[in-house]
Amino acid sequence: MEAKIDFENIQNEDQEKIMTRYKELVADSGDVYAWQSDKDTPPSARTFSSEENAKEFEALNNERFRRWMGDHAPKTSYIIGTEKDYQNAVKNWKHDRAKMEAKLYADYVAKIVDLKKQQIKAMEVLKNVCRTFDGKVINKRFNEAVKAATGFFCHFDDDRMILDKFKENHVYFYYKWYGNMENFWQWSTGDRMEAEKAVSIIDIKLNDLQEDIKRLKGTKKEYIKYVEKVRKVEKLIEELSREDVYIRGFAMNHDLQQYPPVTGIWKCS
């Protein structure tokens, strides 16, 4: 009978002896589950016929990597338990991931909402600037007054007036709003300000921003549901990609639709 491995002095054990036992444990199976805990990937278990075998596998696996990579090789530890313990670990991991993803999305929404609130505040002040310049020619003095009052730079392009604070914080007033032709920005450099009309158009923009904020806050409840649906599709796509290449190729070219809208769901290189 082959002598057992001395796990207290495993570094001195014969390489062949270690690999023989390691391969035996890889082939082992049973009711004892062993899995790793990692916040970035879901638990994935091996099964063993005994807790002792699971512990031996951990020790041999670490020694195998140490001999391959050197003493700096990171050690891998396994959680050992029953099938129910493992299922609970998977469930908890999914719950923690969903909680983390929801928080990240909530932080993202909060950032956008904060920007929109800054824009709302600036536009409320912009109305007063328009009233001050009522009947006057829009020129450099108007732009400077907007900047001083709102904190946003003001400038004009061919198709819009722009308020800019930094890269992600800007407001556009287009000269034509096709949804309602009476409600579009009508003034550029050299025109005379009509404050009453301008304020009414700013109010439309303010209302749009308020609606955006309300809609954005509502999306927080739907984010996790959306991600779960997309992950189901990803899993199905992974399964489909393993189908016979001739089946996939013929179906793709003859019977299946093209789906360019997927670029709105996944990054496509």
C-alpha atoms as a PDB file:
ATOM      1  CA  MET A   1       0.000   0.000   0.000  1.00  0.00           C
ATOM      2  CA  GLU A   2       1.374   3.380  -0.992  1.00  0.00           C
ATOM      3  CA  ALA A   3       2.455   5.574   1.923  1.00  0.00           C
ATOM      4  CA  LYS A   4       0.251   8.560   2.659  1.00  0.00           C
ATOM      5  CA  ILE A   5       1.437  12.074   1.943  1.00  0.00           C
ATOM      6  CA  ASP A   6       2.886  13.913   4.906  1.00  0.00           C
ATOM      7  CA  PHE A   7       0.908  17.143   4.698  1.00  0.00           C
ATOM      8  CA  GLU A   8       2.886  18.678   7.559  1.00  0.00           C
ATOM      9  CA  ASN A   9       5.998  18.485   5.363  1.00  0.00           C
ATOM     10  CA  ILE A  10       4.363  18.524   1.947  1.00  0.00           C
ATOM     11  CA  GLN A  11       7.133  20.656   0.467  1.00  0.00           C
ATOM     12  CA  ASN A  12       9.463  17.676   0.835  1.00  0.00           C
ATOM     13  CA  GLU A  13       7.144  15.140  -0.801  1.00  0.00           C
ATOM     14  CA  ASP A  14       7.917  13.537  -4.148  1.00  0.00           C
ATOM     15  CA  GLN A  15       6.371  15.300  -7.160  1.00  0.00           C
ATOM     16  CA  GLU A  16       5.023  12.110  -8.721  1.00  0.00           C
ATOM     17  CA  LYS A  17       3.446  11.075  -5.442  1.00  0.00           C
ATOM     18  CA  ILE A  18       1.704  14.434  -5.143  1.00  0.00           C
ATOM     19  CA  MET A  19       0.390  14.386  -8.717  1.00  0.00           C
ATOM     20  CA  THR A  20      -0.862  10.803  -8.420  1.00  0.00           C
ATOM     21  CA  ARG A  21      -2.915  11.667  -5.356  1.00  0.00           C
ATOM     22  CA  TYR A  22      -4.035  14.968  -6.892  1.00  0.00           C
ATOM     23  CA  LYS A  23      -5.426  13.184  -9.971  1.00  0.00           C
ATOM     24  CA  GLU A  24      -7.252  10.708  -7.746  1.00  0.00           C
ATOM     25  CA  LEU A  25      -8.931  13.579  -5.929  1.00  0.00           C
ATOM     26  CA  VAL A  26      -9.840  15.334  -9.177  1.00  0.00           C
ATOM     27  CA  ALA A  27     -11.725  12.177 -10.166  1.00  0.00           C
ATOM     28  CA  ASP A  28     -13.356  11.897  -6.727  1.00  0.00           C
ATOM     29  CA  SER A  29     -17.014  12.842  -6.248  1.00  0.00           C
ATOM     30  CA  GLY A  30     -19.668  12.630  -3.587  1.00  0.00           C
ATOM     31  CA  ASP A  31     -21.883  14.630  -1.245  1.00  0.00           C
ATOM     32  CA  VAL A  32     -19.215  16.946   0.174  1.00  0.00           C
ATOM     33  CA  TYR A  33     -19.019  20.293  -1.647  1.00  0.00           C
ATOM     34  CA  ALA A  34     -15.969  22.560  -1.817  1.00  0.00           C
ATOM     35  CA  TRP A  35     -16.057  26.018  -3.398  1.00  0.00           C
ATOM     36  CA  GLN A  36     -14.200  29.304  -3.454  1.00  0.00           C
ATOM     37  CA  SER A  37     -15.543  32.671  -2.366  1.00  0.00           C
ATOM     38  CA  ASP A  38     -14.915  35.507  -4.812  1.00  0.00           C
ATOM     39  CA  LYS A  39     -16.965  38.691  -5.137  1.00  0.00           C
ATOM     40  CA  ASP A  40     -16.321  38.903  -8.892  1.00  0.00           C
ATOM     41  CA  THR A  41     -17.324  35.373  -9.919  1.00  0.00           C
ATOM     42  CA  PRO A  42     -20.116  33.079  -8.672  1.00  0.00           C
ATOM     43  CA  PRO A  43     -19.185  30.071  -6.510  1.00  0.00           C
ATOM     44  CA  SER A  44     -18.314  26.961  -8.500  1.00  0.00           C
ATOM     45  CA  ALA A  45     -18.083  23.721  -6.543  1.00  0.00           C
ATOM     46  CA  ARG A  46     -16.192  20.458  -6.725  1.00  0.00           C
ATOM     47  CA  THR A  47     -17.611  17.452  -4.913  1.00  0.00           C
ATOM     48  CA  PHE A  48     -15.749  14.877  -2.854  1.00  0.00           C
ATOM     49  CA  SER A  49     -16.585  11.654  -1.076  1.00  0.00           C
ATOM     50  CA  SER A  50     -15.341  13.007   2.259  1.00  0.00           C
ATOM     51  CA  GLU A  51     -14.360  16.223   3.985  1.00  0.00           C
ATOM     52  CA  GLU A  52     -10.853  14.820   4.429  1.00  0.00           C
ATOM     53  CA  ASN A  53     -10.517  14.414   0.657  1.00  0.00           C
ATOM     54  CA  ALA A  54     -11.673  17.994   0.111  1.00  0.00           C
ATOM     55  CA  LYS A  55      -9.020  19.281   2.523  1.00  0.00           C
ATOM     56  CA  GLU A  56      -6.357  17.128   0.872  1.00  0.00           C
ATOM     57  CA  PHE A  57      -7.290  18.517  -2.544  1.00  0.00           C
ATOM     58  CA  GLU A  58      -6.884  22.079  -1.256  1.00  0.00           C
ATOM     59  CA  ALA A  59      -3.439  21.320   0.170  1.00  0.00           C
ATOM     60  CA  LEU A  60      -2.232  19.482  -2.936  1.00  0.00           C
ATOM     61  CA  ASN A  61      -3.586  22.127  -5.283  1.00  0.00           C
ATOM     62  CA  ASN A  62      -1.738  24.867  -3.397  1.00  0.00           C
ATOM     63  CA  GLU A  63       1.486  22.835  -3.352  1.00  0.00           C
ATOM     64  CA  ARG A  64       1.140  22.158  -7.078  1.00  0.00           C
ATOM     65  CA  PHE A  65       0.916  25.881  -7.815  1.00  0.00           C
ATOM     66  CA  ARG A  66       3.741  26.681  -5.396  1.00  0.00           C
ATOM     67  CA  ARG A  67       6.085  24.346  -7.247  1.00  0.00           C
ATOM     68  CA  TRP A  68       5.014  25.798 -10.574  1.00  0.00           C
ATOM     69  CA  MET A  69       4.998  29.519  -9.715  1.00  0.00           C
ATOM     70  CA  GLY A  70       7.314  29.692  -6.725  1.00  0.00           C
ATOM     71  CA  ASP A  71       6.796  30.629  -3.079  1.00  0.00           C
ATOM     72  CA  HIS A  72       4.985  33.838  -4.078  1.00  0.00           C
ATOM     73  CA  ALA A  73       2.106  31.840  -5.590  1.00  0.00           C
ATOM     74  CA  PRO A  74      -1.207  32.838  -3.947  1.00  0.00           C
ATOM     75  CA  LYS A  75      -2.897  30.157  -1.885  1.00  0.00           C
ATOM     76  CA  THR A  76      -6.413  29.034  -2.727  1.00  0.00           C
ATOM     77  CA  SER A  77      -8.796  28.246   0.108  1.00  0.00           C
ATOM     78  CA  TYR A  78     -12.051  26.327  -0.220  1.00  0.00           C
ATOM     79  CA  ILE A  79     -15.238  26.505   1.785  1.00  0.00           C
ATOM     80  CA  ILE A  80     -16.394  22.981   2.590  1.00  0.00           C
ATOM     81  CA  GLY A  81     -20.011  22.099   3.246  1.00  0.00           C
ATOM     82  CA  THR A  82     -23.153  20.348   2.084  1.00  0.00           C
ATOM     83  CA  GLU A  83     -25.032  20.813  -1.166  1.00  0.00           C
ATOM     84  CA  LYS A  84     -27.490  23.065   0.651  1.00  0.00           C
ATOM     85  CA  ASP A  85     -24.615  25.161   2.013  1.00  0.00           C
ATOM     86  CA  TYR A  86     -23.289  25.560  -1.515  1.00  0.00           C
ATOM     87  CA  GLN A  87     -26.709  26.495  -2.927  1.00  0.00           C
ATOM     88  CA  ASN A  88     -27.076  29.127  -0.199  1.00  0.00           C
ATOM     89  CA  ALA A  89     -23.626  30.473  -1.051  1.00  0.00           C
ATOM     90  CA  VAL A  90     -24.633  30.853  -4.709  1.00  0.00           C
ATOM     91  CA  LYS A  91     -27.897  32.515  -3.702  1.00  0.00           C
ATOM     92  CA  ASN A  92     -26.112  34.923  -1.355  1.00  0.00           C
ATOM     93  CA  TRP A  93     -23.526  35.753  -4.007  1.00  0.00           C
ATOM     94  CA  LYS A  94     -26.251  36.627  -6.513  1.00  0.00           C
ATOM     95  CA  HIS A  95     -28.029  38.733  -3.905  1.00  0.00           C
ATOM     96  CA  ASP A  96     -24.827  40.617  -3.023  1.00  0.00           C
ATOM     97  CA  ARG A  97     -23.994  41.167  -6.688  1.00  0.00           C
ATOM     98  CA  ALA A  98     -27.477  42.516  -7.424  1.00  0.00           C
ATOM     99  CA  LYS A  99     -27.230  44.813  -4.402  1.00  0.00           C
ATOM    100  CA  MET A 100     -23.842  46.116  -5.546  1.00  0.00           C
ATOM    101  CA  GLU A 101     -25.009  46.613  -9.138  1.00  0.00           C
ATOM    102  CA  ALA A 102     -28.136  48.431  -7.962  1.00  0.00           C
ATOM    103  CA  LYS A 103     -25.997  50.768  -5.854  1.00  0.00           C
ATOM    104  CA  LEU A 104     -23.640  51.483  -8.756  1.00  0.00           C
ATOM    105  CA  TYR A 105     -26.595  52.320 -10.986  1.00  0.00           C
ATOM    106  CA  ALA A 106     -28.199  54.445  -8.252  1.00  0.00           C
ATOM    107  CA  ASP A 107     -24.932  56.393  -7.921  1.00  0.00           C
ATOM    108  CA  TYR A 108     -24.881  56.851 -11.701  1.00  0.00           C
ATOM    109  CA  VAL A 109     -28.468  58.144 -11.681  1.00  0.00           C
ATOM    110  CA  ALA A 110     -27.729  60.456  -8.752  1.00  0.00           C
ATOM    111  CA  LYS A 111     -24.860  62.007 -10.722  1.00  0.00           C
ATOM    112  CA  ILE A 112     -27.080  62.671 -13.745  1.00  0.00           C
ATOM    113  CA  VAL A 113     -29.889  64.033 -11.555  1.00  0.00           C
ATOM    114  CA  ASP A 114     -27.419  66.373  -9.860  1.00  0.00           C
ATOM    115  CA  LEU A 115     -26.311  67.692 -13.265  1.00  0.00           C
ATOM    116  CA  LYS A 116     -29.900  68.248 -14.342  1.00  0.00           C
ATOM    117  CA  LYS A 117     -30.665  70.075 -11.097  1.00  0.00           C
ATOM    118  CA  GLN A 118     -27.711  72.365 -11.771  1.00  0.00           C
ATOM    119  CA  GLN A 119     -29.124  73.012 -15.228  1.00  0.00           C
ATOM    120  CA  ILE A 120     -32.557  73.768 -13.783  1.00  0.00           C
ATOM    121  CA  LYS A 121     -31.063  76.235 -11.344  1.00  0.00           C
ATOM    122  CA  ALA A 122     -29.098  77.906 -14.147  1.00  0.00           C
ATOM    123  CA  MET A 123     -32.174  78.225 -16.371  1.00  0.00           C
ATOM    124  CA  GLU A 124     -34.228  79.778 -13.590  1.00  0.00           C
ATOM    125  CA  VAL A 125     -31.538  82.446 -13.353  1.00  0.00           C
ATOM    126  CA  LEU A 126     -31.339  82.688 -17.156  1.00  0.00           C
ATOM    127  CA  LYS A 127     -34.944  83.884 -17.192  1.00  0.00           C
ATOM    128  CA  ASN A 128     -33.929  86.917 -15.113  1.00  0.00           C
ATOM    129  CA  VAL A 129     -31.054  87.666 -17.491  1.00  0.00           C
ATOM    130  CA  CYS A 130     -33.466  87.545 -20.427  1.00  0.00           C
ATOM    131  CA  ARG A 131     -35.775  89.968 -18.639  1.00  0.00           C
ATOM    132  CA  THR A 132     -32.839  92.313 -17.989  1.00  0.00           C
ATOM    133  CA  PHE A 133     -31.989  92.284 -21.696  1.00  0.00           C
ATOM    134  CA  ASP A 134     -35.593  92.600 -22.895  1.00  0.00           C
ATOM    135  CA  GLY A 135     -35.577  94.653 -26.090  1.00  0.00           C
ATOM    136  CA  LYS A 136     -31.784  94.844 -26.164  1.00  0.00           C
ATOM    137  CA  VAL A 137     -29.428  93.366 -28.754  1.00  0.00           C
ATOM    138  CA  ILE A 138     -27.900  90.023 -27.826  1.00  0.00           C
ATOM    139  CA  ASN A 139     -24.123  90.403 -27.898  1.00  0.00           C
ATOM    140  CA  LYS A 140     -21.011  89.758 -25.840  1.00  0.00           C
ATOM    141  CA  ARG A 141     -22.556  91.572 -22.863  1.00  0.00           C
ATOM    142  CA  PHE A 142     -25.461  89.099 -22.845  1.00  0.00           C
ATOM    143  CA  ASN A 143     -23.078  86.124 -22.885  1.00  0.00           C
ATOM    144  CA  GLU A 144     -21.048  87.603 -20.038  1.00  0.00           C
ATOM    145  CA  ALA A 145     -24.184  88.319 -18.006  1.00  0.00           C
ATOM    146  CA  VAL A 146     -25.358  84.716 -18.433  1.00  0.00           C
ATOM    147  CA  LYS A 147     -21.953  83.424 -17.292  1.00  0.00           C
ATOM    148  CA  ALA A 148     -21.879  85.727 -14.269  1.00  0.00           C
ATOM    149  CA  ALA A 149     -25.415  84.836 -13.204  1.00  0.00           C
ATOM    150  CA  THR A 150     -25.527  81.098 -13.930  1.00  0.00           C
ATOM    151  CA  GLY A 151     -21.926  79.884 -13.871  1.00  0.00           C
ATOM    152  CA  PHE A 152     -22.469  78.486 -17.384  1.00  0.00           C
ATOM    153  CA  PHE A 153     -20.687  79.792 -20.480  1.00  0.00           C
ATOM    154  CA  CYS A 154     -23.120  81.000 -23.133  1.00  0.00           C
ATOM    155  CA  HIS A 155     -22.437  80.847 -26.870  1.00  0.00           C
ATOM    156  CA  PHE A 156     -24.334  80.418 -30.127  1.00  0.00           C
ATOM    157  CA  ASP A 157     -23.990  77.918 -32.979  1.00  0.00           C
ATOM    158  CA  ASP A 158     -25.813  77.831 -36.305  1.00  0.00           C
ATOM    159  CA  ASP A 159     -28.660  75.762 -34.890  1.00  0.00           C
ATOM    160  CA  ARG A 160     -28.716  76.446 -31.151  1.00  0.00           C
ATOM    161  CA  MET A 161     -27.821  78.460 -28.080  1.00  0.00           C
ATOM    162  CA  ILE A 162     -25.576  76.524 -25.724  1.00  0.00           C
ATOM    163  CA  LEU A 163     -24.998  76.782 -21.990  1.00  0.00           C
ATOM    164  CA  ASP A 164     -21.809  74.942 -20.974  1.00  0.00           C
ATOM    165  CA  LYS A 165     -20.251  74.411 -17.564  1.00  0.00           C
ATOM    166  CA  PHE A 166     -17.966  71.465 -18.228  1.00  0.00           C
ATOM    167  CA  LYS A 167     -17.867  68.463 -20.543  1.00  0.00           C
ATOM    168  CA  GLU A 168     -20.898  66.609 -19.140  1.00  0.00           C
ATOM    169  CA  ASN A 169     -22.975  69.610 -18.123  1.00  0.00           C
ATOM    170  CA  HIS A 170     -24.581  71.511 -20.969  1.00  0.00           C
ATOM    171  CA  VAL A 171     -27.988  72.753 -22.093  1.00  0.00           C
ATOM    172  CA  TYR A 172     -29.048  73.179 -25.713  1.00  0.00           C
ATOM    173  CA  PHE A 173     -31.761  75.543 -26.928  1.00  0.00           C
ATOM    174  CA  TYR A 174     -32.395  74.605 -30.546  1.00  0.00           C
ATOM    175  CA  TYR A 175     -33.772  77.106 -33.030  1.00  0.00           C
ATOM    176  CA  LYS A 176     -36.342  74.562 -34.271  1.00  0.00           C
ATOM    177  CA  TRP A 177     -38.294  72.091 -32.144  1.00  0.00           C
ATOM    178  CA  TYR A 178     -40.212  69.990 -34.641  1.00  0.00           C
ATOM    179  CA  GLY A 179     -42.658  68.726 -32.001  1.00  0.00           C
ATOM    180  CA  ASN A 180     -44.129  72.207 -31.593  1.00  0.00           C
ATOM    181  CA  MET A 181     -43.022  74.777 -34.154  1.00  0.00           C
ATOM    182  CA  GLU A 182     -44.167  77.727 -32.020  1.00  0.00           C
ATOM    183  CA  ASN A 183     -41.883  76.761 -29.171  1.00  0.00           C
ATOM    184  CA  PHE A 184     -38.282  77.043 -30.255  1.00  0.00           C
ATOM    185  CA  TRP A 185     -35.431  79.382 -29.427  1.00  0.00           C
ATOM    186  CA  GLN A 186     -35.537  82.298 -31.860  1.00  0.00           C
ATOM    187  CA  TRP A 187     -32.622  84.517 -30.942  1.00  0.00           C
ATOM    188  CA  SER A 188     -28.923  84.627 -31.772  1.00  0.00           C
ATOM    189  CA  THR A 189     -26.143  87.179 -31.718  1.00  0.00           C
ATOM    190  CA  GLY A 190     -27.421  90.483 -33.148  1.00  0.00           C
ATOM    191  CA  ASP A 191     -31.116  89.784 -32.482  1.00  0.00           C
ATOM    192  CA  ARG A 192     -33.175  91.730 -29.969  1.00  0.00           C
ATOM    193  CA  MET A 193     -34.250  89.765 -26.921  1.00  0.00           C
ATOM    194  CA  GLU A 194     -37.981  89.171 -26.475  1.00  0.00           C
ATOM    195  CA  ALA A 195     -38.009  88.260 -22.800  1.00  0.00           C
ATOM    196  CA  GLU A 196     -41.620  87.075 -22.502  1.00  0.00           C
ATOM    197  CA  LYS A 197     -41.230  84.589 -25.376  1.00  0.00           C
ATOM    198  CA  ALA A 198     -37.788  83.491 -24.200  1.00  0.00           C
ATOM    199  CA  VAL A 199     -39.005  82.807 -20.661  1.00  0.00           C
ATOM    200  CA  SER A 200     -41.914  80.707 -21.954  1.00  0.00           C
ATOM    201  CA  ILE A 201     -39.471  78.576 -23.990  1.00  0.00           C
ATOM    202  CA  ILE A 202     -37.120  78.209 -21.021  1.00  0.00           C
ATOM    203  CA  ASP A 203     -40.109  77.024 -18.968  1.00  0.00           C
ATOM    204  CA  ILE A 204     -40.764  74.286 -21.551  1.00  0.00           C
ATOM    205  CA  LYS A 205     -37.150  73.163 -21.225  1.00  0.00           C
ATOM    206  CA  LEU A 206     -37.409  73.270 -17.436  1.00  0.00           C
ATOM    207  CA  ASN A 207     -40.490  71.066 -17.548  1.00  0.00           C
ATOM    208  CA  ASP A 208     -38.649  68.582 -19.787  1.00  0.00           C
ATOM    209  CA  LEU A 209     -35.772  68.390 -17.313  1.00  0.00           C
ATOM    210  CA  GLN A 210     -38.146  67.830 -14.390  1.00  0.00           C
ATOM    211  CA  GLU A 211     -39.761  64.977 -16.315  1.00  0.00           C
ATOM    212  CA  ASP A 212     -36.300  63.557 -17.089  1.00  0.00           C
ATOM    213  CA  ILE A 213     -35.438  63.546 -13.394  1.00  0.00           C
ATOM    214  CA  LYS A 214     -38.691  61.826 -12.491  1.00  0.00           C
ATOM    215  CA  ARG A 215     -38.159  59.190 -15.203  1.00  0.00           C
ATOM    216  CA  LEU A 216     -34.523  58.628 -14.230  1.00  0.00           C
ATOM    217  CA  LYS A 217     -35.378  58.034 -10.583  1.00  0.00           C
ATOM    218  CA  GLY A 218     -37.994  55.504 -11.675  1.00  0.00           C
ATOM    219  CA  THR A 219     -35.442  53.491 -13.650  1.00  0.00           C
ATOM    220  CA  LYS A 220     -33.602  52.498 -10.457  1.00  0.00           C
ATOM    221  CA  LYS A 221     -36.314  49.948  -9.683  1.00  0.00           C
ATOM    222  CA  GLU A 222     -36.088  48.453 -13.177  1.00  0.00           C
ATOM    223  CA  TYR A 223     -32.307  48.221 -13.574  1.00  0.00           C
ATOM    224  CA  ILE A 224     -31.739  44.820 -11.943  1.00  0.00           C
ATOM    225  CA  LYS A 225     -34.712  43.330 -13.824  1.00  0.00           C
ATOM    226  CA  TYR A 226     -33.210  44.560 -17.088  1.00  0.00           C
ATOM    227  CA  VAL A 227     -29.757  43.116 -16.335  1.00  0.00           C
ATOM    228  CA  GLU A 228     -31.294  39.765 -15.384  1.00  0.00           C
ATOM    229  CA  LYS A 229     -33.172  39.605 -18.706  1.00  0.00           C
ATOM    230  CA  VAL A 230     -30.043  40.429 -20.706  1.00  0.00           C
ATOM    231  CA  ARG A 231     -28.029  37.799 -18.812  1.00  0.00           C
ATOM    232  CA  LYS A 232     -30.612  35.165 -19.751  1.00  0.00           C
ATOM    233  CA  VAL A 233     -30.114  36.132 -23.395  1.00  0.00           C
ATOM    234  CA  GLU A 234     -26.321  36.008 -22.962  1.00  0.00           C
ATOM    235  CA  LYS A 235     -26.574  32.498 -21.560  1.00  0.00           C
ATOM    236  CA  LEU A 236     -28.754  31.419 -24.481  1.00  0.00           C
ATOM    237  CA  ILE A 237     -26.335  32.982 -26.975  1.00  0.00           C
ATOM    238  CA  GLU A 238     -23.473  31.085 -25.336  1.00  0.00           C
ATOM    239  CA  GLU A 239     -25.414  27.825 -25.787  1.00  0.00           C
ATOM    240  CA  LEU A 240     -26.276  28.655 -29.407  1.00  0.00           C
ATOM    241  CA  SER A 241     -22.640  29.451 -30.211  1.00  0.00           C
ATOM    242  CA  ARG A 242     -21.754  25.827 -29.418  1.00  0.00           C
ATOM    243  CA  GLU A 243     -24.137  24.461 -32.048  1.00  0.00           C
ATOM    244  CA  ASP A 244     -22.750  22.920 -35.236  1.00  0.00           C
ATOM    245  CA  VAL A 245     -20.996  25.543 -37.358  1.00  0.00           C
ATOM    246  CA  TYR A 246     -22.814  24.429 -40.543  1.00  0.00           C
ATOM    247  CA  ILE A 247     -26.208  24.757 -38.883  1.00  0.00           C
ATOM    248  CA  ARG A 248     -25.342  28.217 -37.579  1.00  0.00           C
ATOM    249  CA  GLY A 249     -23.858  29.369 -40.871  1.00  0.00           C
ATOM    250  CA  PHE A 250     -26.784  28.261 -43.069  1.00  0.00           C
ATOM    251  CA  ALA A 251     -29.424  29.580 -40.656  1.00  0.00           C
ATOM    252  CA  MET A 252     -27.620  32.902 -40.369  1.00  0.00           C
ATOM    253  CA  ASN A 253     -27.482  33.404 -44.133  1.00  0.00           C
ATOM    254  CA  HIS A 254     -30.911  32.040 -45.070  1.00  0.00           C
ATOM    255  CA  ASP A 255     -33.526  31.908 -42.348  1.00  0.00           C
ATOM    256  CA  LEU A 256     -32.628  34.324 -39.543  1.00  0.00           C
ATOM    257  CA  GLN A 257     -33.030  38.078 -39.283  1.00  0.00           C
ATOM    258  CA  GLN A 258     -30.155  40.502 -38.861  1.00  0.00           C
ATOM    259  CA  TYR A 259     -30.044  42.316 -35.516  1.00  0.00           C
ATOM    260  CA  PRO A 260     -28.076  45.583 -35.661  1.00  0.00           C
ATOM    261  CA  PRO A 261     -30.034  46.874 -32.612  1.00  0.00           C
ATOM    262  CA  VAL A 262     -27.913  44.563 -30.400  1.00  0.00           C
ATOM    263  CA  THR A 263     -25.301  47.330 -30.412  1.00  0.00           C
ATOM    264  CA  GLY A 264     -27.709  49.173 -28.146  1.00  0.00           C
ATOM    265  CA  ILE A 265     -27.427  46.352 -25.605  1.00  0.00           C
ATOM    266  CA  TRP A 266     -23.855  45.030 -25.836  1.00  0.00           C
ATOM    267  CA  LYS A 267     -20.535  46.587 -26.755  1.00  0.00           C
ATOM    268  CA  CYS A 268     -19.606  45.312 -30.197  1.00  0.00           C
ATOM    269  CA  SER A 269     -15.968  45.564 -31.231  1.00  0.00           C
END
